[in-house]
Amino acid sequence: MAQQIDVNQLNQAKANVTLTQTLLTQAIEKSSSDPTMAQEAIKQAANAVSQVQSAAQSQQSK
């Protein structure tokens, strides 16, 4: 039986990866001028990475 892939979940993971890239870029750009904003961007990026990991684990268990 072939493994079924949830394309919607993969698209959401892809969007989260893109968001993570944007947030990390902002964190790098703001690191010296606004450390608080940089820290928040890093936290949000970490949350997005967690969501991608959850989606990947969900796909693997199917």
PDB file of N, CA and C in Angstrom:
ATOM      1  N   MET A   1       0.847  -1.190   0.000  1.00  0.00           N
ATOM      2  CA  MET A   1       0.000   0.000   0.000  1.00  0.00           C
ATOM      3  C   MET A   1       0.888   1.248   0.000  1.00  0.00           C
ATOM      4  N   ALA A   2       0.625   2.157  -0.893  1.00  0.00           N
ATOM      5  CA  ALA A   2       1.429   3.370  -1.021  1.00  0.00           C
ATOM      6  C   ALA A   2       1.158   4.318   0.135  1.00  0.00           C
ATOM      7  N   GLN A   3       2.200   5.030   0.503  1.00  0.00           N
ATOM      8  CA  GLN A   3       2.061   6.006   1.583  1.00  0.00           C
ATOM      9  C   GLN A   3       1.316   7.228   1.060  1.00  0.00           C
ATOM     10  N   GLN A   4       0.327   7.684   1.809  1.00  0.00           N
ATOM     11  CA  GLN A   4      -0.446   8.853   1.400  1.00  0.00           C
ATOM     12  C   GLN A   4       0.190  10.115   1.977  1.00  0.00           C
ATOM     13  N   ILE A   5       0.399  11.104   1.118  1.00  0.00           N
ATOM     14  CA  ILE A   5       1.015  12.356   1.536  1.00  0.00           C
ATOM     15  C   ILE A   5      -0.059  13.434   1.601  1.00  0.00           C
ATOM     16  N   ASP A   6      -0.096  14.131   2.721  1.00  0.00           N
ATOM     17  CA  ASP A   6      -1.025  15.238   2.896  1.00  0.00           C
ATOM     18  C   ASP A   6      -0.379  16.501   2.322  1.00  0.00           C
ATOM     19  N   VAL A   7      -0.749  16.837   1.097  1.00  0.00           N
ATOM     20  CA  VAL A   7      -0.141  17.964   0.397  1.00  0.00           C
ATOM     21  C   VAL A   7      -0.411  19.272   1.134  1.00  0.00           C
ATOM     22  N   ASN A   8      -1.584  19.411   1.705  1.00  0.00           N
ATOM     23  CA  ASN A   8      -1.883  20.633   2.461  1.00  0.00           C
ATOM     24  C   ASN A   8      -0.926  20.808   3.635  1.00  0.00           C
ATOM     25  N   GLN A   9      -0.651  19.718   4.318  1.00  0.00           N
ATOM     26  CA  GLN A   9       0.262  19.782   5.462  1.00  0.00           C
ATOM     27  C   GLN A   9       1.678  20.110   4.998  1.00  0.00           C
ATOM     28  N   LEU A  10       2.077  19.559   3.863  1.00  0.00           N
ATOM     29  CA  LEU A  10       3.407  19.871   3.327  1.00  0.00           C
ATOM     30  C   LEU A  10       3.487  21.328   2.870  1.00  0.00           C
ATOM     31  N   ASN A  11       2.426  21.831   2.288  1.00  0.00           N
ATOM     32  CA  ASN A  11       2.410  23.247   1.886  1.00  0.00           C
ATOM     33  C   ASN A  11       2.492  24.161   3.102  1.00  0.00           C
ATOM     34  N   GLN A  12       1.828  23.759   4.190  1.00  0.00           N
ATOM     35  CA  GLN A  12       1.906  24.538   5.426  1.00  0.00           C
ATOM     36  C   GLN A  12       3.331  24.517   5.973  1.00  0.00           C
ATOM     37  N   ALA A  13       3.957  23.366   5.923  1.00  0.00           N
ATOM     38  CA  ALA A  13       5.345  23.257   6.379  1.00  0.00           C
ATOM     39  C   ALA A  13       6.257  24.129   5.520  1.00  0.00           C
ATOM     40  N   LYS A  14       6.031  24.129   4.221  1.00  0.00           N
ATOM     41  CA  LYS A  14       6.829  24.961   3.309  1.00  0.00           C
ATOM     42  C   LYS A  14       6.651  26.444   3.653  1.00  0.00           C
ATOM     43  N   ALA A  15       5.428  26.845   3.928  1.00  0.00           N
ATOM     44  CA  ALA A  15       5.167  28.235   4.314  1.00  0.00           C
ATOM     45  C   ALA A  15       5.882  28.569   5.624  1.00  0.00           C
ATOM     46  N   ASN A  16       5.899  27.625   6.548  1.00  0.00           N
ATOM     47  CA  ASN A  16       6.586  27.850   7.823  1.00  0.00           C
ATOM     48  C   ASN A  16       8.089  27.968   7.634  1.00  0.00           C
ATOM     49  N   VAL A  17       8.641  27.197   6.706  1.00  0.00           N
ATOM     50  CA  VAL A  17      10.076  27.306   6.422  1.00  0.00           C
ATOM     51  C   VAL A  17      10.381  28.689   5.854  1.00  0.00           C
ATOM     52  N   THR A  18       9.551  29.155   4.938  1.00  0.00           N
ATOM     53  CA  THR A  18       9.734  30.490   4.355  1.00  0.00           C
ATOM     54  C   THR A  18       9.629  31.561   5.438  1.00  0.00           C
ATOM     55  N   LEU A  19       8.644  31.413   6.312  1.00  0.00           N
ATOM     56  CA  LEU A  19       8.475  32.346   7.423  1.00  0.00           C
ATOM     57  C   LEU A  19       9.709  32.335   8.322  1.00  0.00           C
ATOM     58  N   THR A  20      10.217  31.140   8.598  1.00  0.00           N
ATOM     59  CA  THR A  20      11.409  31.020   9.435  1.00  0.00           C
ATOM     60  C   THR A  20      12.584  31.753   8.812  1.00  0.00           C
ATOM     61  N   GLN A  21      12.771  31.588   7.500  1.00  0.00           N
ATOM     62  CA  GLN A  21      13.861  32.292   6.814  1.00  0.00           C
ATOM     63  C   GLN A  21      13.712  33.803   6.964  1.00  0.00           C
ATOM     64  N   THR A  22      12.498  34.292   6.791  1.00  0.00           N
ATOM     65  CA  THR A  22      12.243  35.728   6.906  1.00  0.00           C
ATOM     66  C   THR A  22      12.523  36.219   8.324  1.00  0.00           C
ATOM     67  N   LEU A  23      12.040  35.470   9.311  1.00  0.00           N
ATOM     68  CA  LEU A  23      12.228  35.869  10.701  1.00  0.00           C
ATOM     69  C   LEU A  23      13.707  35.868  11.089  1.00  0.00           C
ATOM     70  N   LEU A  24      14.438  34.862  10.634  1.00  0.00           N
ATOM     71  CA  LEU A  24      15.865  34.814  10.957  1.00  0.00           C
ATOM     72  C   LEU A  24      16.624  35.941  10.268  1.00  0.00           C
ATOM     73  N   THR A  25      16.237  36.273   9.053  1.00  0.00           N
ATOM     74  CA  THR A  25      16.850  37.409   8.367  1.00  0.00           C
ATOM     75  C   THR A  25      16.601  38.693   9.146  1.00  0.00           C
ATOM     76  N   GLN A  26      15.371  38.877   9.616  1.00  0.00           N
ATOM     77  CA  GLN A  26      15.048  40.054  10.427  1.00  0.00           C
ATOM     78  C   GLN A  26      15.864  40.069  11.720  1.00  0.00           C
ATOM     79  N   ALA A  27      16.009  38.915  12.333  1.00  0.00           N
ATOM     80  CA  ALA A  27      16.767  38.828  13.580  1.00  0.00           C
ATOM     81  C   ALA A  27      18.216  39.243  13.347  1.00  0.00           C
ATOM     82  N   ILE A  28      18.790  38.797  12.243  1.00  0.00           N
ATOM     83  CA  ILE A  28      20.171  39.156  11.919  1.00  0.00           C
ATOM     84  C   ILE A  28      20.280  40.659  11.676  1.00  0.00           C
ATOM     85  N   GLU A  29      19.344  41.185  10.908  1.00  0.00           N
ATOM     86  CA  GLU A  29      19.388  42.616  10.579  1.00  0.00           C
ATOM     87  C   GLU A  29      19.183  43.498  11.811  1.00  0.00           C
ATOM     88  N   LYS A  30      18.365  43.041  12.750  1.00  0.00           N
ATOM     89  CA  LYS A  30      18.016  43.847  13.918  1.00  0.00           C
ATOM     90  C   LYS A  30      18.885  43.558  15.132  1.00  0.00           C
ATOM     91  N   SER A  31      19.781  42.592  15.020  1.00  0.00           N
ATOM     92  CA  SER A  31      20.510  42.129  16.202  1.00  0.00           C
ATOM     93  C   SER A  31      21.266  43.239  16.927  1.00  0.00           C
ATOM     94  N   SER A  32      21.830  44.181  16.189  1.00  0.00           N
ATOM     95  CA  SER A  32      22.571  45.243  16.873  1.00  0.00           C
ATOM     96  C   SER A  32      21.689  46.437  17.212  1.00  0.00           C
ATOM     97  N   SER A  33      20.721  46.746  16.352  1.00  0.00           N
ATOM     98  CA  SER A  33      19.913  47.944  16.582  1.00  0.00           C
ATOM     99  C   SER A  33      18.719  47.702  17.506  1.00  0.00           C
ATOM    100  N   ASP A  34      18.161  46.498  17.490  1.00  0.00           N
ATOM    101  CA  ASP A  34      16.984  46.213  18.314  1.00  0.00           C
ATOM    102  C   ASP A  34      17.041  44.766  18.810  1.00  0.00           C
ATOM    103  N   PRO A  35      17.850  44.521  19.838  1.00  0.00           N
ATOM    104  CA  PRO A  35      18.016  43.145  20.327  1.00  0.00           C
ATOM    105  C   PRO A  35      16.717  42.486  20.765  1.00  0.00           C
ATOM    106  N   THR A  36      15.789  43.259  21.307  1.00  0.00           N
ATOM    107  CA  THR A  36      14.512  42.692  21.755  1.00  0.00           C
ATOM    108  C   THR A  36      13.719  42.161  20.568  1.00  0.00           C
ATOM    109  N   MET A  37      13.666  42.930  19.494  1.00  0.00           N
ATOM    110  CA  MET A  37      12.963  42.487  18.286  1.00  0.00           C
ATOM    111  C   MET A  37      13.669  41.266  17.687  1.00  0.00           C
ATOM    112  N   ALA A  38      14.990  41.265  17.727  1.00  0.00           N
ATOM    113  CA  ALA A  38      15.748  40.125  17.210  1.00  0.00           C
ATOM    114  C   ALA A  38      15.412  38.861  17.997  1.00  0.00           C
ATOM    115  N   GLN A  39      15.345  38.986  19.329  1.00  0.00           N
ATOM    116  CA  GLN A  39      15.003  37.829  20.177  1.00  0.00           C
ATOM    117  C   GLN A  39      13.599  37.320  19.870  1.00  0.00           C
ATOM    118  N   GLU A  40      12.667  38.225  19.671  1.00  0.00           N
ATOM    119  CA  GLU A  40      11.293  37.823  19.354  1.00  0.00           C
ATOM    120  C   GLU A  40      11.235  37.109  18.010  1.00  0.00           C
ATOM    121  N   ALA A  41      11.973  37.607  17.038  1.00  0.00           N
ATOM    122  CA  ALA A  41      12.015  36.956  15.717  1.00  0.00           C
ATOM    123  C   ALA A  41      12.578  35.543  15.848  1.00  0.00           C
ATOM    124  N   ILE A  42      13.588  35.379  16.689  1.00  0.00           N
ATOM    125  CA  ILE A  42      14.172  34.051  16.895  1.00  0.00           C
ATOM    126  C   ILE A  42      13.161  33.118  17.552  1.00  0.00           C
ATOM    127  N   LYS A  43      12.414  33.609  18.535  1.00  0.00           N
ATOM    128  CA  LYS A  43      11.379  32.787  19.194  1.00  0.00           C
ATOM    129  C   LYS A  43      10.331  32.335  18.179  1.00  0.00           C
ATOM    130  N   GLN A  44       9.879  33.272  17.346  1.00  0.00           N
ATOM    131  CA  GLN A  44       8.864  32.940  16.348  1.00  0.00           C
ATOM    132  C   GLN A  44       9.415  31.945  15.323  1.00  0.00           C
ATOM    133  N   ALA A  45      10.675  32.115  14.947  1.00  0.00           N
ATOM    134  CA  ALA A  45      11.299  31.182  14.015  1.00  0.00           C
ATOM    135  C   ALA A  45      11.358  29.784  14.627  1.00  0.00           C
ATOM    136  N   ALA A  46      11.684  29.707  15.910  1.00  0.00           N
ATOM    137  CA  ALA A  46      11.737  28.413  16.595  1.00  0.00           C
ATOM    138  C   ALA A  46      10.364  27.751  16.612  1.00  0.00           C
ATOM    139  N   ASN A  47       9.321  28.536  16.823  1.00  0.00           N
ATOM    140  CA  ASN A  47       7.953  27.989  16.788  1.00  0.00           C
ATOM    141  C   ASN A  47       7.619  27.452  15.403  1.00  0.00           C
ATOM    142  N   ALA A  48       8.010  28.181  14.378  1.00  0.00           N
ATOM    143  CA  ALA A  48       7.746  27.732  13.011  1.00  0.00           C
ATOM    144  C   ALA A  48       8.498  26.439  12.714  1.00  0.00           C
ATOM    145  N   VAL A  49       9.728  26.339  13.198  1.00  0.00           N
ATOM    146  CA  VAL A  49      10.506  25.112  13.005  1.00  0.00           C
ATOM    147  C   VAL A  49       9.820  23.942  13.710  1.00  0.00           C
ATOM    148  N   SER A  50       9.303  24.176  14.904  1.00  0.00           N
ATOM    149  CA  SER A  50       8.594  23.121  15.634  1.00  0.00           C
ATOM    150  C   SER A  50       7.385  22.625  14.850  1.00  0.00           C
ATOM    151  N   GLN A  51       6.684  23.554  14.222  1.00  0.00           N
ATOM    152  CA  GLN A  51       5.511  23.166  13.428  1.00  0.00           C
ATOM    153  C   GLN A  51       5.923  22.334  12.219  1.00  0.00           C
ATOM    154  N   VAL A  52       7.052  22.692  11.609  1.00  0.00           N
ATOM    155  CA  VAL A  52       7.548  21.912  10.469  1.00  0.00           C
ATOM    156  C   VAL A  52       7.930  20.510  10.942  1.00  0.00           C
ATOM    157  N   GLN A  53       8.597  20.425  12.079  1.00  0.00           N
ATOM    158  CA  GLN A  53       8.980  19.110  12.618  1.00  0.00           C
ATOM    159  C   GLN A  53       7.762  18.255  12.912  1.00  0.00           C
ATOM    160  N   SER A  54       6.729  18.864  13.466  1.00  0.00           N
ATOM    161  CA  SER A  54       5.496  18.117  13.751  1.00  0.00           C
ATOM    162  C   SER A  54       4.862  17.605  12.473  1.00  0.00           C
ATOM    163  N   ALA A  55       4.840  18.433  11.449  1.00  0.00           N
ATOM    164  CA  ALA A  55       4.265  18.018  10.173  1.00  0.00           C
ATOM    165  C   ALA A  55       5.072  16.879   9.574  1.00  0.00           C
ATOM    166  N   ALA A  56       6.378  16.968   9.659  1.00  0.00           N
ATOM    167  CA  ALA A  56       7.242  15.910   9.114  1.00  0.00           C
ATOM    168  C   ALA A  56       7.024  14.599   9.856  1.00  0.00           C
ATOM    169  N   GLN A  57       6.931  14.667  11.171  1.00  0.00           N
ATOM    170  CA  GLN A  57       6.717  13.458  11.968  1.00  0.00           C
ATOM    171  C   GLN A  57       5.348  12.857  11.666  1.00  0.00           C
ATOM    172  N   SER A  58       4.367  13.710  11.458  1.00  0.00           N
ATOM    173  CA  SER A  58       3.031  13.242  11.114  1.00  0.00           C
ATOM    174  C   SER A  58       3.033  12.509   9.776  1.00  0.00           C
ATOM    175  N   GLN A  59       3.784  13.042   8.814  1.00  0.00           N
ATOM    176  CA  GLN A  59       3.872  12.416   7.497  1.00  0.00           C
ATOM    177  C   GLN A  59       4.576  11.063   7.594  1.00  0.00           C
ATOM    178  N   GLN A  60       5.605  10.984   8.431  1.00  0.00           N
ATOM    179  CA  GLN A  60       6.367   9.746   8.558  1.00  0.00           C
ATOM    180  C   GLN A  60       5.536   8.640   9.212  1.00  0.00           C
ATOM    181  N   SER A  61       4.635   9.030  10.094  1.00  0.00           N
ATOM    182  CA  SER A  61       3.862   8.012  10.814  1.00  0.00           C
ATOM    183  C   SER A  61       2.696   7.479   9.990  1.00  0.00           C
ATOM    184  N   LYS A  62       2.403   8.113   8.858  1.00  0.00           N
ATOM    185  CA  LYS A  62       1.290   7.640   8.017  1.00  0.00           C
ATOM    186  C   LYS A  62       1.712   6.480   7.159  1.00  0.00           C
TER     187      LYS A  62
END
